């Protein structure tokens, strides 16, 4: 088939269909010389018409927001908190309300602490309460976590771990010490968990029990260095802890050469290996460099190991 024939064949087919009788709905889009008689051409909106339509849409009344004091959510806080739209409205109410209304909103969650903490929507409301209220008014959350022995479970929960982190950030040590001690006692499984490791890193970054936590980490270095999340916790400790804690942890790492090498070859752990070389001095640093030199082959096979191997 020639090129002209390929170009005209579709047009002949279209015209043939139109000649069969019924007018197709798409015929108004055809150019003037092809559009059947009696079919009006499709008229598109001009820029002016489009602007008018946009202005008309903008003139529509907006969704009514909650009143500035949050009165409209009272009595239905838990109900609203359990879905995506409702939880945003409750958070807005908390943001704009005075302390009295905020406390009344929080009071409606006191019988739903764990359900709220583990809910993909309500956990945001609970976090907002912790951030907006004075720390003493968050005590009811701590009471539930401790009384029902939910601290470790919460730290490893996809949503509840956020509640634990907010409590660590906002509440003073005398208020959270029981919670923190429970987490430190269970440091290995929490550190090696996809969500729990962030809670342990939060303690390292925000709590004065940092030294106690580092001492607990020293007892589990073999397991921590073998786990992707555990290695991240060790790196956090080596980069954020006090000088004394970092030095003690560095010496503990060097006691088992395989721990240092595993960290050096790990994406999340090589920062800890680098810090070991920065913290230790004199004979200890010489020993660390010797360990690395003796494992050059393994280090060179790793992208991150090569980074550590380049330190002198």
C-alpha atoms as a PDB file:
ATOM      1  CA  UNK A   1       0.000   0.000   0.000  1.00  0.00           C
ATOM      2  CA  UNK A   2       1.366   3.414  -0.980  1.00  0.00           C
ATOM      3  CA  UNK A   3       1.895   6.263   1.491  1.00  0.00           C
ATOM      4  CA  UNK A   4      -1.094   8.320   0.181  1.00  0.00           C
ATOM      5  CA  UNK A   5      -3.342   5.278   0.513  1.00  0.00           C
ATOM      6  CA  UNK A   6      -2.316   4.757   4.160  1.00  0.00           C
ATOM      7  CA  UNK A   7      -3.128   8.399   4.898  1.00  0.00           C
ATOM      8  CA  UNK A   8      -6.548   8.494   3.236  1.00  0.00           C
ATOM      9  CA  UNK A   9      -7.861   5.101   4.316  1.00  0.00           C
ATOM     10  CA  UNK A  10      -8.778   6.128   7.914  1.00  0.00           C
ATOM     11  CA  UNK A  11     -10.594   9.192   6.609  1.00  0.00           C
ATOM     12  CA  UNK A  12     -12.652   7.048   4.207  1.00  0.00           C
ATOM     13  CA  UNK A  13     -13.595   4.721   7.050  1.00  0.00           C
ATOM     14  CA  UNK A  14     -14.748   7.636   9.247  1.00  0.00           C
ATOM     15  CA  UNK A  15     -16.805   9.167   6.465  1.00  0.00           C
ATOM     16  CA  UNK A  16     -18.313   5.791   5.702  1.00  0.00           C
ATOM     17  CA  UNK A  17     -19.460   5.362   9.283  1.00  0.00           C
ATOM     18  CA  UNK A  18     -21.022   8.813   9.314  1.00  0.00           C
ATOM     19  CA  UNK A  19     -22.865   8.100   6.035  1.00  0.00           C
ATOM     20  CA  UNK A  20     -24.483   5.010   7.581  1.00  0.00           C
ATOM     21  CA  UNK A  21     -27.005   7.175   9.398  1.00  0.00           C
ATOM     22  CA  UNK A  22     -26.490   7.913  13.065  1.00  0.00           C
ATOM     23  CA  UNK A  23     -24.303  10.811  14.040  1.00  0.00           C
ATOM     24  CA  UNK A  24     -21.382   9.776  16.257  1.00  0.00           C
ATOM     25  CA  UNK A  25     -20.829  11.867  19.423  1.00  0.00           C
ATOM     26  CA  UNK A  26     -17.243  12.556  18.374  1.00  0.00           C
ATOM     27  CA  UNK A  27     -18.268  14.032  15.003  1.00  0.00           C
ATOM     28  CA  UNK A  28     -18.440  17.556  16.496  1.00  0.00           C
ATOM     29  CA  UNK A  29     -14.648  17.418  16.953  1.00  0.00           C
ATOM     30  CA  UNK A  30     -14.041  16.919  13.201  1.00  0.00           C
ATOM     31  CA  UNK A  31     -12.722  19.810  11.042  1.00  0.00           C
ATOM     32  CA  UNK A  32     -15.234  21.793   9.007  1.00  0.00           C
ATOM     33  CA  UNK A  33     -14.607  19.985   5.710  1.00  0.00           C
ATOM     34  CA  UNK A  34     -15.254  16.568   7.281  1.00  0.00           C
ATOM     35  CA  UNK A  35     -17.975  17.331   9.839  1.00  0.00           C
ATOM     36  CA  UNK A  36     -21.476  16.180   8.693  1.00  0.00           C
ATOM     37  CA  UNK A  37     -24.127  18.794   7.939  1.00  0.00           C
ATOM     38  CA  UNK A  38     -26.239  19.725  10.915  1.00  0.00           C
ATOM     39  CA  UNK A  39     -23.506  18.909  13.447  1.00  0.00           C
ATOM     40  CA  UNK A  40     -22.205  21.923  15.334  1.00  0.00           C
ATOM     41  CA  UNK A  41     -18.507  22.335  15.896  1.00  0.00           C
ATOM     42  CA  UNK A  42     -17.194  21.753  19.443  1.00  0.00           C
ATOM     43  CA  UNK A  43     -16.569  25.089  21.160  1.00  0.00           C
ATOM     44  CA  UNK A  44     -13.724  25.170  23.673  1.00  0.00           C
ATOM     45  CA  UNK A  45     -13.525  27.634  26.557  1.00  0.00           C
ATOM     46  CA  UNK A  46     -11.363  30.670  25.950  1.00  0.00           C
ATOM     47  CA  UNK A  47      -8.871  31.862  28.537  1.00  0.00           C
ATOM     48  CA  UNK A  48     -11.469  34.360  29.728  1.00  0.00           C
ATOM     49  CA  UNK A  49     -14.068  31.632  30.188  1.00  0.00           C
ATOM     50  CA  UNK A  50     -11.558  29.478  32.024  1.00  0.00           C
ATOM     51  CA  UNK A  51     -10.803  32.368  34.364  1.00  0.00           C
ATOM     52  CA  UNK A  52     -14.496  32.851  34.996  1.00  0.00           C
ATOM     53  CA  UNK A  53     -14.913  29.151  35.830  1.00  0.00           C
ATOM     54  CA  UNK A  54     -11.941  29.281  38.196  1.00  0.00           C
ATOM     55  CA  UNK A  55     -13.335  32.365  39.927  1.00  0.00           C
ATOM     56  CA  UNK A  56     -16.705  30.635  40.262  1.00  0.00           C
ATOM     57  CA  UNK A  57     -15.057  27.596  41.856  1.00  0.00           C
ATOM     58  CA  UNK A  58     -13.105  29.772  44.268  1.00  0.00           C
ATOM     59  CA  UNK A  59     -16.297  31.552  45.252  1.00  0.00           C
ATOM     60  CA  UNK A  60     -17.788  28.314  46.594  1.00  0.00           C
ATOM     61  CA  UNK A  61     -18.008  28.280  50.371  1.00  0.00           C
ATOM     62  CA  UNK A  62     -15.125  26.496  52.031  1.00  0.00           C
ATOM     63  CA  UNK A  63     -15.587  23.616  54.445  1.00  0.00           C
ATOM     64  CA  UNK A  64     -16.510  24.996  57.827  1.00  0.00           C
ATOM     65  CA  UNK A  65     -13.616  24.758  60.241  1.00  0.00           C
ATOM     66  CA  UNK A  66     -13.850  24.019  63.915  1.00  0.00           C
ATOM     67  CA  UNK A  67     -14.318  26.973  66.172  1.00  0.00           C
ATOM     68  CA  UNK A  68     -11.139  28.537  67.627  1.00  0.00           C
ATOM     69  CA  UNK A  69     -11.753  26.963  71.037  1.00  0.00           C
ATOM     70  CA  UNK A  70     -12.251  23.412  69.772  1.00  0.00           C
ATOM     71  CA  UNK A  71     -15.736  23.093  71.284  1.00  0.00           C
ATOM     72  CA  UNK A  72     -17.094  21.139  68.315  1.00  0.00           C
ATOM     73  CA  UNK A  73     -14.836  18.119  68.905  1.00  0.00           C
ATOM     74  CA  UNK A  74     -15.636  17.781  72.585  1.00  0.00           C
ATOM     75  CA  UNK A  75     -17.601  14.651  73.356  1.00  0.00           C
ATOM     76  CA  UNK A  76     -16.495  12.982  70.123  1.00  0.00           C
ATOM     77  CA  UNK A  77     -12.701  13.171  70.338  1.00  0.00           C
ATOM     78  CA  UNK A  78     -12.085   9.418  70.228  1.00  0.00           C
ATOM     79  CA  UNK A  79     -14.582   8.972  67.402  1.00  0.00           C
ATOM     80  CA  UNK A  80     -12.980  11.680  65.284  1.00  0.00           C
ATOM     81  CA  UNK A  81      -9.431  10.559  66.079  1.00  0.00           C
ATOM     82  CA  UNK A  82      -9.834   7.173  64.425  1.00  0.00           C
ATOM     83  CA  UNK A  83      -9.959   8.333  60.811  1.00  0.00           C
ATOM     84  CA  UNK A  84      -7.702  10.447  58.626  1.00  0.00           C
ATOM     85  CA  UNK A  85      -9.946  13.510  58.282  1.00  0.00           C
ATOM     86  CA  UNK A  86     -11.221  13.493  61.842  1.00  0.00           C
ATOM     87  CA  UNK A  87      -7.798  13.194  63.451  1.00  0.00           C
ATOM     88  CA  UNK A  88      -6.628  16.272  61.552  1.00  0.00           C
ATOM     89  CA  UNK A  89      -9.611  18.211  62.863  1.00  0.00           C
ATOM     90  CA  UNK A  90      -8.886  17.157  66.456  1.00  0.00           C
ATOM     91  CA  UNK A  91      -5.247  18.182  66.027  1.00  0.00           C
ATOM     92  CA  UNK A  92      -6.376  21.558  64.718  1.00  0.00           C
ATOM     93  CA  UNK A  93      -8.667  21.961  67.713  1.00  0.00           C
ATOM     94  CA  UNK A  94      -5.765  21.226  70.071  1.00  0.00           C
ATOM     95  CA  UNK A  95      -3.546  23.749  68.285  1.00  0.00           C
ATOM     96  CA  UNK A  96      -5.984  26.658  68.543  1.00  0.00           C
ATOM     97  CA  UNK A  97      -7.668  25.886  71.883  1.00  0.00           C
ATOM     98  CA  UNK A  98      -6.761  27.274  75.273  1.00  0.00           C
ATOM     99  CA  UNK A  99      -5.355  24.996  77.970  1.00  0.00           C
ATOM    100  CA  UNK A 100      -8.738  24.240  79.523  1.00  0.00           C
ATOM    101  CA  UNK A 101     -10.144  22.912  76.265  1.00  0.00           C
ATOM    102  CA  UNK A 102      -6.921  21.055  75.491  1.00  0.00           C
ATOM    103  CA  UNK A 103      -7.186  19.236  78.816  1.00  0.00           C
ATOM    104  CA  UNK A 104     -10.804  18.323  78.137  1.00  0.00           C
ATOM    105  CA  UNK A 105      -9.812  16.915  74.748  1.00  0.00           C
ATOM    106  CA  UNK A 106      -6.969  14.908  76.291  1.00  0.00           C
ATOM    107  CA  UNK A 107      -9.287  13.604  79.012  1.00  0.00           C
ATOM    108  CA  UNK A 108     -11.436  11.888  76.378  1.00  0.00           C
ATOM    109  CA  UNK A 109      -8.416   9.805  75.337  1.00  0.00           C
ATOM    110  CA  UNK A 110      -7.530   8.553  78.823  1.00  0.00           C
ATOM    111  CA  UNK A 111      -9.507   5.321  78.388  1.00  0.00           C
ATOM    112  CA  UNK A 112      -8.086   4.741  74.899  1.00  0.00           C
ATOM    113  CA  UNK A 113      -4.338   5.289  75.330  1.00  0.00           C
ATOM    114  CA  UNK A 114      -3.067   2.047  73.823  1.00  0.00           C
ATOM    115  CA  UNK A 115      -5.725   1.977  71.111  1.00  0.00           C
ATOM    116  CA  UNK A 116      -4.811   5.540  70.176  1.00  0.00           C
ATOM    117  CA  UNK A 117      -1.060   4.903  70.306  1.00  0.00           C
ATOM    118  CA  UNK A 118      -1.361   1.913  67.981  1.00  0.00           C
ATOM    119  CA  UNK A 119      -3.824   3.559  65.571  1.00  0.00           C
ATOM    120  CA  UNK A 120      -2.453   4.964  62.285  1.00  0.00           C
ATOM    121  CA  UNK A 121      -4.559   8.113  62.781  1.00  0.00           C
ATOM    122  CA  UNK A 122      -5.152   8.574  66.503  1.00  0.00           C
ATOM    123  CA  UNK A 123      -1.437   8.351  67.299  1.00  0.00           C
ATOM    124  CA  UNK A 124      -1.065  11.792  65.738  1.00  0.00           C
ATOM    125  CA  UNK A 125      -3.663  13.186  68.131  1.00  0.00           C
ATOM    126  CA  UNK A 126      -1.869  11.647  71.098  1.00  0.00           C
ATOM    127  CA  UNK A 127       1.435  13.104  69.896  1.00  0.00           C
ATOM    128  CA  UNK A 128      -0.201  16.512  69.567  1.00  0.00           C
ATOM    129  CA  UNK A 129      -1.433  16.283  73.158  1.00  0.00           C
ATOM    130  CA  UNK A 130       2.082  15.491  74.400  1.00  0.00           C
ATOM    131  CA  UNK A 131       3.563  18.411  72.461  1.00  0.00           C
ATOM    132  CA  UNK A 132       0.854  20.943  73.328  1.00  0.00           C
ATOM    133  CA  UNK A 133       0.301  20.211  77.018  1.00  0.00           C
ATOM    134  CA  UNK A 134       2.573  20.638  80.008  1.00  0.00           C
ATOM    135  CA  UNK A 135       4.525  17.375  80.604  1.00  0.00           C
ATOM    136  CA  UNK A 136       2.634  16.671  83.837  1.00  0.00           C
ATOM    137  CA  UNK A 137      -0.579  16.362  81.824  1.00  0.00           C
ATOM    138  CA  UNK A 138       0.955  13.513  79.780  1.00  0.00           C
ATOM    139  CA  UNK A 139       1.344  11.371  82.884  1.00  0.00           C
ATOM    140  CA  UNK A 140      -1.781   9.369  82.061  1.00  0.00           C
ATOM    141  CA  UNK A 141      -0.010   8.022  78.947  1.00  0.00           C
ATOM    142  CA  UNK A 142       3.053   6.977  80.930  1.00  0.00           C
ATOM    143  CA  UNK A 143       0.838   5.370  83.560  1.00  0.00           C
ATOM    144  CA  UNK A 144      -0.828   3.128  80.984  1.00  0.00           C
ATOM    145  CA  UNK A 145       2.463   2.104  79.371  1.00  0.00           C
ATOM    146  CA  UNK A 146       4.011   1.224  82.719  1.00  0.00           C
ATOM    147  CA  UNK A 147       0.973  -0.279  84.467  1.00  0.00           C
ATOM    148  CA  UNK A 148       0.184  -2.573  81.553  1.00  0.00           C
ATOM    149  CA  UNK A 149       3.893  -3.297  80.849  1.00  0.00           C
ATOM    150  CA  UNK A 150       3.599  -1.994  77.329  1.00  0.00           C
ATOM    151  CA  UNK A 151       6.841   0.001  77.165  1.00  0.00           C
ATOM    152  CA  UNK A 152       8.881  -2.503  75.159  1.00  0.00           C
ATOM    153  CA  UNK A 153       5.927  -3.387  72.952  1.00  0.00           C
ATOM    154  CA  UNK A 154       5.202   0.265  72.276  1.00  0.00           C
ATOM    155  CA  UNK A 155       8.844   0.935  71.372  1.00  0.00           C
ATOM    156  CA  UNK A 156       8.632  -1.730  68.670  1.00  0.00           C
ATOM    157  CA  UNK A 157       5.208  -0.779  67.328  1.00  0.00           C
ATOM    158  CA  UNK A 158       4.956   1.008  63.982  1.00  0.00           C
ATOM    159  CA  UNK A 159       2.870   3.862  65.422  1.00  0.00           C
ATOM    160  CA  UNK A 160       3.235   3.626  69.193  1.00  0.00           C
ATOM    161  CA  UNK A 161       7.010   4.101  68.914  1.00  0.00           C
ATOM    162  CA  UNK A 162       6.260   7.722  67.999  1.00  0.00           C
ATOM    163  CA  UNK A 163       4.446   8.199  71.302  1.00  0.00           C
ATOM    164  CA  UNK A 164       7.457   6.885  73.219  1.00  0.00           C
ATOM    165  CA  UNK A 165       9.748   9.251  71.306  1.00  0.00           C
ATOM    166  CA  UNK A 166       7.565  12.280  72.053  1.00  0.00           C
ATOM    167  CA  UNK A 167       7.510  11.387  75.755  1.00  0.00           C
ATOM    168  CA  UNK A 168      11.316  11.113  75.786  1.00  0.00           C
ATOM    169  CA  UNK A 169      11.572  14.525  74.105  1.00  0.00           C
ATOM    170  CA  UNK A 170       9.069  16.406  76.240  1.00  0.00           C
ATOM    171  CA  UNK A 171       9.017  14.900  79.715  1.00  0.00           C
ATOM    172  CA  UNK A 172      11.731  15.390  82.365  1.00  0.00           C
ATOM    173  CA  UNK A 173      13.871  12.489  83.561  1.00  0.00           C
ATOM    174  CA  UNK A 174      12.091  12.164  86.905  1.00  0.00           C
ATOM    175  CA  UNK A 175       8.855  11.549  85.006  1.00  0.00           C
ATOM    176  CA  UNK A 176      10.184   9.072  82.421  1.00  0.00           C
ATOM    177  CA  UNK A 177      12.888   7.254  84.375  1.00  0.00           C
ATOM    178  CA  UNK A 178      10.711   4.175  84.906  1.00  0.00           C
ATOM    179  CA  UNK A 179       9.932   3.992  81.193  1.00  0.00           C
ATOM    180  CA  UNK A 180      13.566   4.500  80.228  1.00  0.00           C
ATOM    181  CA  UNK A 181      14.816   1.821  82.599  1.00  0.00           C
ATOM    182  CA  UNK A 182      12.338  -0.669  81.117  1.00  0.00           C
ATOM    183  CA  UNK A 183      13.600   0.112  77.626  1.00  0.00           C
ATOM    184  CA  UNK A 184      17.265  -0.133  78.633  1.00  0.00           C
ATOM    185  CA  UNK A 185      16.617  -3.503  80.289  1.00  0.00           C
ATOM    186  CA  UNK A 186      15.293  -4.750  76.939  1.00  0.00           C
ATOM    187  CA  UNK A 187      17.868  -2.933  74.836  1.00  0.00           C
ATOM    188  CA  UNK A 188      18.942  -5.766  72.496  1.00  0.00           C
ATOM    189  CA  UNK A 189      15.595  -6.729  70.944  1.00  0.00           C
ATOM    190  CA  UNK A 190      14.501  -3.094  70.776  1.00  0.00           C
ATOM    191  CA  UNK A 191      17.763  -1.960  69.149  1.00  0.00           C
ATOM    192  CA  UNK A 192      17.549  -4.716  66.531  1.00  0.00           C
ATOM    193  CA  UNK A 193      13.997  -3.792  65.553  1.00  0.00           C
ATOM    194  CA  UNK A 194      12.955  -1.749  62.509  1.00  0.00           C
ATOM    195  CA  UNK A 195      11.062   0.776  64.673  1.00  0.00           C
ATOM    196  CA  UNK A 196      12.574   0.159  68.082  1.00  0.00           C
ATOM    197  CA  UNK A 197      16.050   1.252  67.033  1.00  0.00           C
ATOM    198  CA  UNK A 198      14.770   4.801  66.593  1.00  0.00           C
ATOM    199  CA  UNK A 199      13.501   4.821  70.179  1.00  0.00           C
ATOM    200  CA  UNK A 200      16.922   3.756  71.482  1.00  0.00           C
ATOM    201  CA  UNK A 201      18.589   6.423  69.344  1.00  0.00           C
ATOM    202  CA  UNK A 202      16.132   8.937  70.799  1.00  0.00           C
ATOM    203  CA  UNK A 203      17.252   8.046  74.309  1.00  0.00           C
ATOM    204  CA  UNK A 204      20.864   8.553  73.249  1.00  0.00           C
ATOM    205  CA  UNK A 205      20.038  11.956  71.785  1.00  0.00           C
ATOM    206  CA  UNK A 206      17.606  13.327  74.383  1.00  0.00           C
ATOM    207  CA  UNK A 207      18.084  11.597  77.742  1.00  0.00           C
ATOM    208  CA  UNK A 208      20.598  12.017  80.525  1.00  0.00           C
ATOM    209  CA  UNK A 209      20.539   8.220  80.951  1.00  0.00           C
ATOM    210  CA  UNK A 210      22.756   8.097  77.882  1.00  0.00           C
ATOM    211  CA  UNK A 211      25.722   6.718  79.836  1.00  0.00           C
ATOM    212  CA  UNK A 212      23.633   3.936  81.383  1.00  0.00           C
ATOM    213  CA  UNK A 213      22.343   2.992  77.958  1.00  0.00           C
ATOM    214  CA  UNK A 214      25.856   2.912  76.452  1.00  0.00           C
ATOM    215  CA  UNK A 215      26.966   0.562  79.218  1.00  0.00           C
ATOM    216  CA  UNK A 216      24.052  -1.735  78.322  1.00  0.00           C
ATOM    217  CA  UNK A 217      25.016  -1.626  74.656  1.00  0.00           C
ATOM    218  CA  UNK A 218      28.567  -2.754  75.479  1.00  0.00           C
ATOM    219  CA  UNK A 219      27.180  -6.072  76.716  1.00  0.00           C
ATOM    220  CA  UNK A 220      25.571  -6.846  73.337  1.00  0.00           C
ATOM    221  CA  UNK A 221      28.089  -5.572  70.760  1.00  0.00           C
ATOM    222  CA  UNK A 222      28.506  -8.930  69.020  1.00  0.00           C
ATOM    223  CA  UNK A 223      24.777  -9.146  68.285  1.00  0.00           C
ATOM    224  CA  UNK A 224      24.322  -5.457  67.585  1.00  0.00           C
ATOM    225  CA  UNK A 225      27.158  -5.338  65.062  1.00  0.00           C
ATOM    226  CA  UNK A 226      25.598  -8.267  63.182  1.00  0.00           C
ATOM    227  CA  UNK A 227      22.253  -6.523  62.724  1.00  0.00           C
ATOM    228  CA  UNK A 228      21.505  -3.649  60.354  1.00  0.00           C
ATOM    229  CA  UNK A 229      19.410  -1.781  62.933  1.00  0.00           C
ATOM    230  CA  UNK A 230      21.680  -2.651  65.834  1.00  0.00           C
ATOM    231  CA  UNK A 231      24.663  -1.275  63.933  1.00  0.00           C
ATOM    232  CA  UNK A 232      22.784   2.003  63.453  1.00  0.00           C
ATOM    233  CA  UNK A 233      22.273   2.229  67.221  1.00  0.00           C
ATOM    234  CA  UNK A 234      25.993   1.673  67.869  1.00  0.00           C
ATOM    235  CA  UNK A 235      26.844   4.413  65.354  1.00  0.00           C
ATOM    236  CA  UNK A 236      24.404   6.764  67.060  1.00  0.00           C
ATOM    237  CA  UNK A 237      26.006   6.045  70.431  1.00  0.00           C
ATOM    238  CA  UNK A 238      29.496   6.621  69.045  1.00  0.00           C
ATOM    239  CA  UNK A 239      28.527   9.962  67.499  1.00  0.00           C
ATOM    240  CA  UNK A 240      26.220  11.468  70.154  1.00  0.00           C
ATOM    241  CA  UNK A 241      27.297  10.141  73.570  1.00  0.00           C
ATOM    242  CA  UNK A 242      29.626  11.922  75.952  1.00  0.00           C
ATOM    243  CA  UNK A 243      33.362  11.583  75.454  1.00  0.00           C
ATOM    244  CA  UNK A 244      33.671   9.175  78.394  1.00  0.00           C
ATOM    245  CA  UNK A 245      30.882   6.913  77.102  1.00  0.00           C
ATOM    246  CA  UNK A 246      32.280   6.947  73.572  1.00  0.00           C
ATOM    247  CA  UNK A 247      35.751   6.014  74.793  1.00  0.00           C
ATOM    248  CA  UNK A 248      34.413   3.154  76.905  1.00  0.00           C
ATOM    249  CA  UNK A 249      32.298   1.889  74.001  1.00  0.00           C
ATOM    250  CA  UNK A 250      35.240   2.172  71.582  1.00  0.00           C
ATOM    251  CA  UNK A 251      37.461   0.050  73.822  1.00  0.00           C
ATOM    252  CA  UNK A 252      34.693  -2.531  74.151  1.00  0.00           C
ATOM    253  CA  UNK A 253      34.405  -2.705  70.362  1.00  0.00           C
ATOM    254  CA  UNK A 254      38.147  -3.277  70.020  1.00  0.00           C
ATOM    255  CA  UNK A 255      38.112  -6.185  72.469  1.00  0.00           C
ATOM    256  CA  UNK A 256      36.505  -8.273  69.736  1.00  0.00           C
ATOM    257  CA  UNK A 257      38.153  -7.518  66.354  1.00  0.00           C
ATOM    258  CA  UNK A 258      35.282  -9.117  64.429  1.00  0.00           C
ATOM    259  CA  UNK A 259      32.902  -6.512  65.885  1.00  0.00           C
ATOM    260  CA  UNK A 260      35.033  -3.658  64.568  1.00  0.00           C
ATOM    261  CA  UNK A 261      35.294  -5.261  61.127  1.00  0.00           C
ATOM    262  CA  UNK A 262      31.563  -5.990  60.889  1.00  0.00           C
ATOM    263  CA  UNK A 263      30.784  -2.397  61.785  1.00  0.00           C
ATOM    264  CA  UNK A 264      33.364  -1.106  59.305  1.00  0.00           C
ATOM    265  CA  UNK A 265      31.758  -3.093  56.466  1.00  0.00           C
ATOM    266  CA  UNK A 266      28.202  -2.054  57.373  1.00  0.00           C
ATOM    267  CA  UNK A 267      26.258   0.758  55.769  1.00  0.00           C
ATOM    268  CA  UNK A 268      24.866   1.900  59.108  1.00  0.00           C
ATOM    269  CA  UNK A 269      27.799   0.791  61.237  1.00  0.00           C
ATOM    270  CA  UNK A 270      30.855   2.157  59.446  1.00  0.00           C
ATOM    271  CA  UNK A 271      30.340   5.534  61.134  1.00  0.00           C
ATOM    272  CA  UNK A 272      30.911   3.805  64.470  1.00  0.00           C
ATOM    273  CA  UNK A 273      34.147   2.243  63.202  1.00  0.00           C
ATOM    274  CA  UNK A 274      35.354   5.638  62.038  1.00  0.00           C
ATOM    275  CA  UNK A 275      34.540   7.138  65.439  1.00  0.00           C
ATOM    276  CA  UNK A 276      36.533   4.404  67.181  1.00  0.00           C
ATOM    277  CA  UNK A 277      39.627   5.622  65.346  1.00  0.00           C
ATOM    278  CA  UNK A 278      38.809   9.215  66.271  1.00  0.00           C
ATOM    279  CA  UNK A 279      38.224   8.540  69.971  1.00  0.00           C
ATOM    280  CA  UNK A 280      41.052   6.178  70.936  1.00  0.00           C
ATOM    281  CA  UNK A 281      44.628   7.399  71.223  1.00  0.00           C
ATOM    282  CA  UNK A 282      48.140   6.034  71.616  1.00  0.00           C
ATOM    283  CA  UNK A 283      48.449   2.238  71.894  1.00  0.00           C
ATOM    284  CA  UNK A 284      44.695   1.756  71.528  1.00  0.00           C
ATOM    285  CA  UNK A 285      44.649   3.548  68.185  1.00  0.00           C
ATOM    286  CA  UNK A 286      47.672   1.574  67.030  1.00  0.00           C
ATOM    287  CA  UNK A 287      45.819  -1.613  67.910  1.00  0.00           C
ATOM    288  CA  UNK A 288      42.704  -0.498  66.022  1.00  0.00           C
ATOM    289  CA  UNK A 289      44.743   0.299  62.904  1.00  0.00           C
ATOM    290  CA  UNK A 290      46.465  -3.076  63.162  1.00  0.00           C
ATOM    291  CA  UNK A 291      43.085  -4.849  63.260  1.00  0.00           C
ATOM    292  CA  UNK A 292      42.015  -2.995  60.140  1.00  0.00           C
ATOM    293  CA  UNK A 293      45.300  -3.744  58.382  1.00  0.00           C
ATOM    294  CA  UNK A 294      44.975  -7.460  59.131  1.00  0.00           C
ATOM    295  CA  UNK A 295      41.511  -7.463  57.533  1.00  0.00           C
ATOM    296  CA  UNK A 296      42.291  -5.400  54.455  1.00  0.00           C
ATOM    297  CA  UNK A 297      40.980  -8.021  52.038  1.00  0.00           C
ATOM    298  CA  UNK A 298      37.545  -8.031  53.642  1.00  0.00           C
ATOM    299  CA  UNK A 299      37.451  -4.258  53.974  1.00  0.00           C
ATOM    300  CA  UNK A 300      38.365  -3.749  50.312  1.00  0.00           C
ATOM    301  CA  UNK A 301      35.469  -5.950  49.216  1.00  0.00           C
ATOM    302  CA  UNK A 302      33.028  -3.636  50.959  1.00  0.00           C
ATOM    303  CA  UNK A 303      32.002  -0.177  49.790  1.00  0.00           C
ATOM    304  CA  UNK A 304      31.911   1.060  53.368  1.00  0.00           C
ATOM    305  CA  UNK A 305      34.903  -0.968  54.453  1.00  0.00           C
ATOM    306  CA  UNK A 306      37.037   0.885  51.913  1.00  0.00           C
ATOM    307  CA  UNK A 307      36.047   4.182  53.553  1.00  0.00           C
ATOM    308  CA  UNK A 308      37.259   3.004  56.949  1.00  0.00           C
ATOM    309  CA  UNK A 309      40.344   1.366  55.452  1.00  0.00           C
ATOM    310  CA  UNK A 310      41.386   4.761  54.038  1.00  0.00           C
ATOM    311  CA  UNK A 311      41.714   6.283  57.530  1.00  0.00           C
ATOM    312  CA  UNK A 312      45.290   6.472  58.856  1.00  0.00           C
END
